[in-house]
Amino acid sequence: MQKKLVILFFMIVWFAITCVALLFGFSYNWPDFVHVDYGLPLTWATNTQSTIVGPVDQWAVNPSNLLIDLIFWLGIMTAAVTVFLYKFKCAHQ
């Protein structure tokens, strides 16, 4: 029961980290191009707020980068859970 709780806790925490990594925006305030990039390690969305022409509200979304980000974060979670299960199995025997 203890190992199930540890794995469940890890998965909940890792899911929260994944959400923060995907939804956290990095704001760039350049003189002629103000925008916010979303996603770690790859930028999957950009919200352009201002250009040299004037204010805009334009979104550029790249679904393939979002998929790669999800594969990256959830792949690490799967690998870590596999290691946890292996360690608990070896410690049990």
PDB file of N, CA and C in Angstrom:
ATOM      1  N   MET A   1       0.817  -1.192   0.000  1.00  0.00           N
ATOM      2  CA  MET A   1       0.000   0.000   0.000  1.00  0.00           C
ATOM      3  C   MET A   1       0.864   1.261   0.000  1.00  0.00           C
ATOM      4  N   GLN A   2       1.969   1.216   0.742  1.00  0.00           N
ATOM      5  CA  GLN A   2       2.870   2.360   0.840  1.00  0.00           C
ATOM      6  C   GLN A   2       3.457   2.718  -0.529  1.00  0.00           C
ATOM      7  N   LYS A   3       3.868   1.715  -1.292  1.00  0.00           N
ATOM      8  CA  LYS A   3       4.474   1.997  -2.590  1.00  0.00           C
ATOM      9  C   LYS A   3       3.451   2.572  -3.565  1.00  0.00           C
ATOM     10  N   LYS A   4       2.197   2.147  -3.460  1.00  0.00           N
ATOM     11  CA  LYS A   4       1.159   2.698  -4.329  1.00  0.00           C
ATOM     12  C   LYS A   4       0.930   4.170  -4.028  1.00  0.00           C
ATOM     13  N   LEU A   5       0.968   4.532  -2.762  1.00  0.00           N
ATOM     14  CA  LEU A   5       0.792   5.933  -2.385  1.00  0.00           C
ATOM     15  C   LEU A   5       1.962   6.793  -2.860  1.00  0.00           C
ATOM     16  N   VAL A   6       3.174   6.264  -2.768  1.00  0.00           N
ATOM     17  CA  VAL A   6       4.344   6.998  -3.241  1.00  0.00           C
ATOM     18  C   VAL A   6       4.247   7.234  -4.739  1.00  0.00           C
ATOM     19  N   ILE A   7       3.884   6.215  -5.478  1.00  0.00           N
ATOM     20  CA  ILE A   7       3.756   6.348  -6.935  1.00  0.00           C
ATOM     21  C   ILE A   7       2.612   7.291  -7.285  1.00  0.00           C
ATOM     22  N   LEU A   8       1.481   7.188  -6.588  1.00  0.00           N
ATOM     23  CA  LEU A   8       0.353   8.082  -6.845  1.00  0.00           C
ATOM     24  C   LEU A   8       0.727   9.532  -6.550  1.00  0.00           C
ATOM     25  N   PHE A   9       1.404   9.765  -5.434  1.00  0.00           N
ATOM     26  CA  PHE A   9       1.853  11.112  -5.089  1.00  0.00           C
ATOM     27  C   PHE A   9       2.802  11.656  -6.150  1.00  0.00           C
ATOM     28  N   PHE A  10       3.750  10.831  -6.591  1.00  0.00           N
ATOM     29  CA  PHE A  10       4.686  11.264  -7.626  1.00  0.00           C
ATOM     30  C   PHE A  10       3.954  11.624  -8.915  1.00  0.00           C
ATOM     31  N   MET A  11       2.969  10.808  -9.309  1.00  0.00           N
ATOM     32  CA  MET A  11       2.243  11.075 -10.546  1.00  0.00           C
ATOM     33  C   MET A  11       1.417  12.361 -10.444  1.00  0.00           C
ATOM     34  N   ILE A  12       0.822  12.623  -9.303  1.00  0.00           N
ATOM     35  CA  ILE A  12       0.059  13.858  -9.124  1.00  0.00           C
ATOM     36  C   ILE A  12       0.980  15.072  -9.182  1.00  0.00           C
ATOM     37  N   VAL A  13       2.109  14.996  -8.489  1.00  0.00           N
ATOM     38  CA  VAL A  13       3.067  16.105  -8.512  1.00  0.00           C
ATOM     39  C   VAL A  13       3.612  16.305  -9.922  1.00  0.00           C
ATOM     40  N   TRP A  14       3.935  15.218 -10.608  1.00  0.00           N
ATOM     41  CA  TRP A  14       4.484  15.337 -11.956  1.00  0.00           C
ATOM     42  C   TRP A  14       3.446  15.898 -12.932  1.00  0.00           C
ATOM     43  N   PHE A  15       2.174  15.540 -12.751  1.00  0.00           N
ATOM     44  CA  PHE A  15       1.126  16.116 -13.585  1.00  0.00           C
ATOM     45  C   PHE A  15       1.036  17.621 -13.376  1.00  0.00           C
ATOM     46  N   ALA A  16       1.159  18.069 -12.132  1.00  0.00           N
ATOM     47  CA  ALA A  16       1.146  19.507 -11.845  1.00  0.00           C
ATOM     48  C   ALA A  16       2.349  20.198 -12.480  1.00  0.00           C
ATOM     49  N   ILE A  17       3.514  19.569 -12.417  1.00  0.00           N
ATOM     50  CA  ILE A  17       4.716  20.137 -13.052  1.00  0.00           C
ATOM     51  C   ILE A  17       4.523  20.218 -14.560  1.00  0.00           C
ATOM     52  N   THR A  18       3.923  19.202 -15.151  1.00  0.00           N
ATOM     53  CA  THR A  18       3.662  19.201 -16.592  1.00  0.00           C
ATOM     54  C   THR A  18       2.727  20.342 -16.968  1.00  0.00           C
ATOM     55  N   CYS A  19       1.678  20.534 -16.199  1.00  0.00           N
ATOM     56  CA  CYS A  19       0.742  21.633 -16.491  1.00  0.00           C
ATOM     57  C   CYS A  19       1.431  22.989 -16.389  1.00  0.00           C
ATOM     58  N   VAL A  20       2.243  23.177 -15.370  1.00  0.00           N
ATOM     59  CA  VAL A  20       2.964  24.442 -15.216  1.00  0.00           C
ATOM     60  C   VAL A  20       3.929  24.640 -16.381  1.00  0.00           C
ATOM     61  N   ALA A  21       4.633  23.588 -16.775  1.00  0.00           N
ATOM     62  CA  ALA A  21       5.596  23.708 -17.872  1.00  0.00           C
ATOM     63  C   ALA A  21       4.912  24.037 -19.194  1.00  0.00           C
ATOM     64  N   LEU A  22       3.715  23.520 -19.406  1.00  0.00           N
ATOM     65  CA  LEU A  22       3.018  23.780 -20.662  1.00  0.00           C
ATOM     66  C   LEU A  22       2.295  25.123 -20.666  1.00  0.00           C
ATOM     67  N   LEU A  23       1.839  25.586 -19.516  1.00  0.00           N
ATOM     68  CA  LEU A  23       1.000  26.778 -19.468  1.00  0.00           C
ATOM     69  C   LEU A  23       1.717  28.039 -18.994  1.00  0.00           C
ATOM     70  N   PHE A  24       2.940  27.918 -18.519  1.00  0.00           N
ATOM     71  CA  PHE A  24       3.679  29.086 -18.053  1.00  0.00           C
ATOM     72  C   PHE A  24       4.146  29.904 -19.244  1.00  0.00           C
ATOM     73  N   GLY A  25       3.945  31.198 -19.192  1.00  0.00           N
ATOM     74  CA  GLY A  25       4.322  32.065 -20.301  1.00  0.00           C
ATOM     75  C   GLY A  25       5.559  32.886 -19.993  1.00  0.00           C
ATOM     76  N   PHE A  26       6.432  32.970 -20.987  1.00  0.00           N
ATOM     77  CA  PHE A  26       7.610  33.819 -20.892  1.00  0.00           C
ATOM     78  C   PHE A  26       7.344  35.079 -21.695  1.00  0.00           C
ATOM     79  N   SER A  27       7.328  36.213 -21.012  1.00  0.00           N
ATOM     80  CA  SER A  27       6.997  37.482 -21.655  1.00  0.00           C
ATOM     81  C   SER A  27       8.270  38.142 -22.188  1.00  0.00           C
ATOM     82  N   TYR A  28       8.198  38.571 -23.427  1.00  0.00           N
ATOM     83  CA  TYR A  28       9.301  39.273 -24.074  1.00  0.00           C
ATOM     84  C   TYR A  28       8.824  40.660 -24.475  1.00  0.00           C
ATOM     85  N   ASN A  29       9.421  41.686 -23.893  1.00  0.00           N
ATOM     86  CA  ASN A  29       9.045  43.069 -24.173  1.00  0.00           C
ATOM     87  C   ASN A  29      10.131  43.744 -24.994  1.00  0.00           C
ATOM     88  N   TRP A  30      10.180  43.399 -26.246  1.00  0.00           N
ATOM     89  CA  TRP A  30      11.111  44.035 -27.152  1.00  0.00           C
ATOM     90  C   TRP A  30      10.475  45.332 -27.654  1.00  0.00           C
ATOM     91  N   PRO A  31      11.268  46.307 -28.060  1.00  0.00           N
ATOM     92  CA  PRO A  31      10.684  47.596 -28.451  1.00  0.00           C
ATOM     93  C   PRO A  31       9.648  47.509 -29.575  1.00  0.00           C
ATOM     94  N   ASP A  32       9.824  46.618 -30.504  1.00  0.00           N
ATOM     95  CA  ASP A  32       8.902  46.553 -31.642  1.00  0.00           C
ATOM     96  C   ASP A  32       8.136  45.230 -31.716  1.00  0.00           C
ATOM     97  N   PHE A  33       8.235  44.388 -30.683  1.00  0.00           N
ATOM     98  CA  PHE A  33       7.590  43.077 -30.745  1.00  0.00           C
ATOM     99  C   PHE A  33       7.379  42.558 -29.333  1.00  0.00           C
ATOM    100  N   VAL A  34       6.199  42.790 -28.785  1.00  0.00           N
ATOM    101  CA  VAL A  34       5.856  42.318 -27.440  1.00  0.00           C
ATOM    102  C   VAL A  34       5.040  41.042 -27.592  1.00  0.00           C
ATOM    103  N   HIS A  35       5.540  39.959 -27.005  1.00  0.00           N
ATOM    104  CA  HIS A  35       4.835  38.685 -27.135  1.00  0.00           C
ATOM    105  C   HIS A  35       5.096  37.802 -25.921  1.00  0.00           C
ATOM    106  N   VAL A  36       4.259  36.768 -25.795  1.00  0.00           N
ATOM    107  CA  VAL A  36       4.373  35.791 -24.717  1.00  0.00           C
ATOM    108  C   VAL A  36       4.478  34.413 -25.358  1.00  0.00           C
ATOM    109  N   ASP A  37       5.523  33.664 -24.983  1.00  0.00           N
ATOM    110  CA  ASP A  37       5.722  32.296 -25.469  1.00  0.00           C
ATOM    111  C   ASP A  37       5.310  31.309 -24.387  1.00  0.00           C
ATOM    112  N   TYR A  38       4.597  30.262 -24.797  1.00  0.00           N
ATOM    113  CA  TYR A  38       4.125  29.236 -23.868  1.00  0.00           C
ATOM    114  C   TYR A  38       4.760  27.901 -24.227  1.00  0.00           C
ATOM    115  N   GLY A  39       5.186  27.154 -23.197  1.00  0.00           N
ATOM    116  CA  GLY A  39       5.704  25.811 -23.385  1.00  0.00           C
ATOM    117  C   GLY A  39       7.163  25.662 -23.019  1.00  0.00           C
ATOM    118  N   LEU A  40       7.469  24.538 -22.399  1.00  0.00           N
ATOM    119  CA  LEU A  40       8.834  24.117 -22.104  1.00  0.00           C
ATOM    120  C   LEU A  40       8.946  22.644 -22.454  1.00  0.00           C
ATOM    121  N   PRO A  41       9.932  22.152 -23.071  1.00  0.00           N
ATOM    122  CA  PRO A  41      11.117  22.806 -23.603  1.00  0.00           C
ATOM    123  C   PRO A  41      10.881  23.475 -24.960  1.00  0.00           C
ATOM    124  N   LEU A  42       9.824  23.126 -25.663  1.00  0.00           N
ATOM    125  CA  LEU A  42       9.537  23.753 -26.954  1.00  0.00           C
ATOM    126  C   LEU A  42       8.387  24.750 -26.809  1.00  0.00           C
ATOM    127  N   THR A  43       8.467  25.832 -27.546  1.00  0.00           N
ATOM    128  CA  THR A  43       7.380  26.808 -27.556  1.00  0.00           C
ATOM    129  C   THR A  43       6.276  26.301 -28.458  1.00  0.00           C
ATOM    130  N   TRP A  44       5.095  26.068 -27.872  1.00  0.00           N
ATOM    131  CA  TRP A  44       3.986  25.545 -28.665  1.00  0.00           C
ATOM    132  C   TRP A  44       2.954  26.620 -28.993  1.00  0.00           C
ATOM    133  N   ALA A  45       3.019  27.767 -28.317  1.00  0.00           N
ATOM    134  CA  ALA A  45       2.083  28.857 -28.609  1.00  0.00           C
ATOM    135  C   ALA A  45       2.769  30.195 -28.366  1.00  0.00           C
ATOM    136  N   THR A  46       2.427  31.170 -29.203  1.00  0.00           N
ATOM    137  CA  THR A  46       2.929  32.528 -29.052  1.00  0.00           C
ATOM    138  C   THR A  46       1.752  33.487 -29.162  1.00  0.00           C
ATOM    139  N   ASN A  47       1.626  34.350 -28.177  1.00  0.00           N
ATOM    140  CA  ASN A  47       0.604  35.389 -28.199  1.00  0.00           C
ATOM    141  C   ASN A  47       1.294  36.717 -28.461  1.00  0.00           C
ATOM    142  N   THR A  48       1.125  37.237 -29.674  1.00  0.00           N
ATOM    143  CA  THR A  48       1.716  38.522 -30.034  1.00  0.00           C
ATOM    144  C   THR A  48       0.778  39.625 -29.566  1.00  0.00           C
ATOM    145  N   GLN A  49       1.318  40.564 -28.777  1.00  0.00           N
ATOM    146  CA  GLN A  49       0.495  41.612 -28.199  1.00  0.00           C
ATOM    147  C   GLN A  49       0.718  42.975 -28.843  1.00  0.00           C
ATOM    148  N   SER A  50       1.926  43.203 -29.360  1.00  0.00           N
ATOM    149  CA  SER A  50       2.217  44.494 -29.963  1.00  0.00           C
ATOM    150  C   SER A  50       3.354  44.334 -30.969  1.00  0.00           C
ATOM    151  N   THR A  51       3.230  45.055 -32.081  1.00  0.00           N
ATOM    152  CA  THR A  51       4.285  45.073 -33.094  1.00  0.00           C
ATOM    153  C   THR A  51       4.642  46.521 -33.394  1.00  0.00           C
ATOM    154  N   ILE A  52       5.548  46.708 -34.328  1.00  0.00           N
ATOM    155  CA  ILE A  52       5.951  48.059 -34.700  1.00  0.00           C
ATOM    156  C   ILE A  52       4.794  48.835 -35.331  1.00  0.00           C
ATOM    157  N   VAL A  53       3.819  48.116 -35.890  1.00  0.00           N
ATOM    158  CA  VAL A  53       2.657  48.740 -36.516  1.00  0.00           C
ATOM    159  C   VAL A  53       1.655  49.224 -35.468  1.00  0.00           C
ATOM    160  N   GLY A  54       1.562  48.511 -34.337  1.00  0.00           N
ATOM    161  CA  GLY A  54       0.612  48.879 -33.294  1.00  0.00           C
ATOM    162  C   GLY A  54       0.171  47.661 -32.516  1.00  0.00           C
ATOM    163  N   PRO A  55      -0.810  47.828 -31.635  1.00  0.00           N
ATOM    164  CA  PRO A  55      -1.270  46.702 -30.822  1.00  0.00           C
ATOM    165  C   PRO A  55      -2.030  45.667 -31.654  1.00  0.00           C
ATOM    166  N   VAL A  56      -1.785  44.422 -31.330  1.00  0.00           N
ATOM    167  CA  VAL A  56      -2.470  43.292 -31.968  1.00  0.00           C
ATOM    168  C   VAL A  56      -2.773  42.258 -30.888  1.00  0.00           C
ATOM    169  N   ASP A  57      -3.602  41.306 -31.234  1.00  0.00           N
ATOM    170  CA  ASP A  57      -3.844  40.159 -30.358  1.00  0.00           C
ATOM    171  C   ASP A  57      -3.909  38.935 -31.259  1.00  0.00           C
ATOM    172  N   GLN A  58      -2.742  38.396 -31.538  1.00  0.00           N
ATOM    173  CA  GLN A  58      -2.635  37.281 -32.486  1.00  0.00           C
ATOM    174  C   GLN A  58      -2.006  36.079 -31.793  1.00  0.00           C
ATOM    175  N   TRP A  59      -2.617  34.930 -32.026  1.00  0.00           N
ATOM    176  CA  TRP A  59      -2.100  33.687 -31.469  1.00  0.00           C
ATOM    177  C   TRP A  59      -1.525  32.838 -32.597  1.00  0.00           C
ATOM    178  N   ALA A  60      -0.362  32.254 -32.347  1.00  0.00           N
ATOM    179  CA  ALA A  60       0.234  31.273 -33.258  1.00  0.00           C
ATOM    180  C   ALA A  60       0.447  29.993 -32.450  1.00  0.00           C
ATOM    181  N   VAL A  61      -0.260  28.944 -32.847  1.00  0.00           N
ATOM    182  CA  VAL A  61      -0.213  27.676 -32.110  1.00  0.00           C
ATOM    183  C   VAL A  61       0.397  26.612 -33.008  1.00  0.00           C
ATOM    184  N   ASN A  62       1.346  25.855 -32.433  1.00  0.00           N
ATOM    185  CA  ASN A  62       2.009  24.772 -33.151  1.00  0.00           C
ATOM    186  C   ASN A  62       1.662  23.452 -32.445  1.00  0.00           C
ATOM    187  N   PRO A  63       0.677  22.711 -32.958  1.00  0.00           N
ATOM    188  CA  PRO A  63       0.249  21.476 -32.275  1.00  0.00           C
ATOM    189  C   PRO A  63       1.334  20.406 -32.218  1.00  0.00           C
ATOM    190  N   SER A  64       2.215  20.364 -33.198  1.00  0.00           N
ATOM    191  CA  SER A  64       3.264  19.344 -33.155  1.00  0.00           C
ATOM    192  C   SER A  64       4.235  19.604 -31.997  1.00  0.00           C
ATOM    193  N   ASN A  65       4.552  20.868 -31.721  1.00  0.00           N
ATOM    194  CA  ASN A  65       5.400  21.165 -30.564  1.00  0.00           C
ATOM    195  C   ASN A  65       4.693  20.846 -29.253  1.00  0.00           C
ATOM    196  N   LEU A  66       3.374  21.055 -29.205  1.00  0.00           N
ATOM    197  CA  LEU A  66       2.608  20.674 -28.019  1.00  0.00           C
ATOM    198  C   LEU A  66       2.657  19.167 -27.808  1.00  0.00           C
ATOM    199  N   LEU A  67       2.513  18.410 -28.868  1.00  0.00           N
ATOM    200  CA  LEU A  67       2.584  16.955 -28.774  1.00  0.00           C
ATOM    201  C   LEU A  67       3.970  16.502 -28.322  1.00  0.00           C
ATOM    202  N   ILE A  68       5.008  17.114 -28.858  1.00  0.00           N
ATOM    203  CA  ILE A  68       6.378  16.763 -28.456  1.00  0.00           C
ATOM    204  C   ILE A  68       6.596  17.101 -26.980  1.00  0.00           C
ATOM    205  N   ASP A  69       6.088  18.256 -26.535  1.00  0.00           N
ATOM    206  CA  ASP A  69       6.198  18.607 -25.113  1.00  0.00           C
ATOM    207  C   ASP A  69       5.494  17.585 -24.231  1.00  0.00           C
ATOM    208  N   LEU A  70       4.286  17.195 -24.621  1.00  0.00           N
ATOM    209  CA  LEU A  70       3.551  16.196 -23.840  1.00  0.00           C
ATOM    210  C   LEU A  70       4.285  14.858 -23.813  1.00  0.00           C
ATOM    211  N   ILE A  71       4.813  14.437 -24.947  1.00  0.00           N
ATOM    212  CA  ILE A  71       5.574  13.185 -24.993  1.00  0.00           C
ATOM    213  C   ILE A  71       6.805  13.285 -24.097  1.00  0.00           C
ATOM    214  N   PHE A  72       7.469  14.432 -24.116  1.00  0.00           N
ATOM    215  CA  PHE A  72       8.657  14.643 -23.285  1.00  0.00           C
ATOM    216  C   PHE A  72       8.319  14.507 -21.798  1.00  0.00           C
ATOM    217  N   TRP A  73       7.329  15.286 -21.317  1.00  0.00           N
ATOM    218  CA  TRP A  73       7.013  15.292 -19.894  1.00  0.00           C
ATOM    219  C   TRP A  73       6.379  13.984 -19.435  1.00  0.00           C
ATOM    220  N   LEU A  74       5.458  13.456 -20.207  1.00  0.00           N
ATOM    221  CA  LEU A  74       4.816  12.203 -19.799  1.00  0.00           C
ATOM    222  C   LEU A  74       5.742  11.004 -19.998  1.00  0.00           C
ATOM    223  N   GLY A  75       6.675  11.086 -20.933  1.00  0.00           N
ATOM    224  CA  GLY A  75       7.683  10.032 -21.091  1.00  0.00           C
ATOM    225  C   GLY A  75       8.607   9.956 -19.891  1.00  0.00           C
ATOM    226  N   ILE A  76       9.012  11.125 -19.376  1.00  0.00           N
ATOM    227  CA  ILE A  76       9.841  11.142 -18.167  1.00  0.00           C
ATOM    228  C   ILE A  76       9.061  10.557 -16.985  1.00  0.00           C
ATOM    229  N   MET A  77       7.762  10.909 -16.885  1.00  0.00           N
ATOM    230  CA  MET A  77       6.952  10.361 -15.801  1.00  0.00           C
ATOM    231  C   MET A  77       6.845   8.839 -15.911  1.00  0.00           C
ATOM    232  N   THR A  78       6.627   8.335 -17.110  1.00  0.00           N
ATOM    233  CA  THR A  78       6.516   6.889 -17.311  1.00  0.00           C
ATOM    234  C   THR A  78       7.827   6.191 -16.952  1.00  0.00           C
ATOM    235  N   ALA A  79       8.939   6.754 -17.365  1.00  0.00           N
ATOM    236  CA  ALA A  79      10.243   6.163 -17.043  1.00  0.00           C
ATOM    237  C   ALA A  79      10.483   6.169 -15.529  1.00  0.00           C
ATOM    238  N   ALA A  80      10.131   7.263 -14.865  1.00  0.00           N
ATOM    239  CA  ALA A  80      10.339   7.341 -13.415  1.00  0.00           C
ATOM    240  C   ALA A  80       9.450   6.351 -12.673  1.00  0.00           C
ATOM    241  N   VAL A  81       8.200   6.216 -13.101  1.00  0.00           N
ATOM    242  CA  VAL A  81       7.309   5.246 -12.460  1.00  0.00           C
ATOM    243  C   VAL A  81       7.823   3.825 -12.680  1.00  0.00           C
ATOM    244  N   THR A  82       8.345   3.559 -13.864  1.00  0.00           N
ATOM    245  CA  THR A  82       8.931   2.240 -14.133  1.00  0.00           C
ATOM    246  C   THR A  82      10.105   1.965 -13.200  1.00  0.00           C
ATOM    247  N   VAL A  83      10.954   2.960 -12.996  1.00  0.00           N
ATOM    248  CA  VAL A  83      12.089   2.796 -12.078  1.00  0.00           C
ATOM    249  C   VAL A  83      11.587   2.579 -10.650  1.00  0.00           C
ATOM    250  N   PHE A  84      10.573   3.352 -10.237  1.00  0.00           N
ATOM    251  CA  PHE A  84       9.997   3.149  -8.901  1.00  0.00           C
ATOM    252  C   PHE A  84       9.479   1.730  -8.737  1.00  0.00           C
ATOM    253  N   LEU A  85       8.729   1.261  -9.715  1.00  0.00           N
ATOM    254  CA  LEU A  85       8.172  -0.098  -9.621  1.00  0.00           C
ATOM    255  C   LEU A  85       9.281  -1.138  -9.579  1.00  0.00           C
ATOM    256  N   TYR A  86      10.321  -0.949 -10.366  1.00  0.00           N
ATOM    257  CA  TYR A  86      11.444  -1.882 -10.371  1.00  0.00           C
ATOM    258  C   TYR A  86      12.155  -1.873  -9.015  1.00  0.00           C
ATOM    259  N   LYS A  87      12.395  -0.684  -8.462  1.00  0.00           N
ATOM    260  CA  LYS A  87      13.078  -0.582  -7.166  1.00  0.00           C
ATOM    261  C   LYS A  87      12.233  -1.209  -6.052  1.00  0.00           C
ATOM    262  N   PHE A  88      10.911  -0.950  -6.086  1.00  0.00           N
ATOM    263  CA  PHE A  88      10.058  -1.539  -5.058  1.00  0.00           C
ATOM    264  C   PHE A  88       9.990  -3.050  -5.195  1.00  0.00           C
ATOM    265  N   LYS A  89      10.003  -3.530  -6.436  1.00  0.00           N
ATOM    266  CA  LYS A  89       9.968  -4.973  -6.643  1.00  0.00           C
ATOM    267  C   LYS A  89      11.259  -5.612  -6.145  1.00  0.00           C
ATOM    268  N   CYS A  90      12.403  -4.987  -6.431  1.00  0.00           N
ATOM    269  CA  CYS A  90      13.689  -5.533  -5.989  1.00  0.00           C
ATOM    270  C   CYS A  90      13.806  -5.463  -4.464  1.00  0.00           C
ATOM    271  N   ALA A  91      13.271  -4.406  -3.858  1.00  0.00           N
ATOM    272  CA  ALA A  91      13.356  -4.273  -2.398  1.00  0.00           C
ATOM    273  C   ALA A  91      12.420  -5.273  -1.719  1.00  0.00           C
ATOM    274  N   HIS A  92      11.364  -5.659  -2.387  1.00  0.00           N
ATOM    275  CA  HIS A  92      10.387  -6.599  -1.813  1.00  0.00           C
ATOM    276  C   HIS A  92      10.928  -8.015  -1.799  1.00  0.00           C
ATOM    277  N   GLN A  93      11.732  -8.359  -2.784  1.00  0.00           N
ATOM    278  CA  GLN A  93      12.234  -9.747  -2.898  1.00  0.00           C
ATOM    279  C   GLN A  93      13.413 -10.007  -2.013  1.00  0.00           C
TER     280      GLN A  93
END
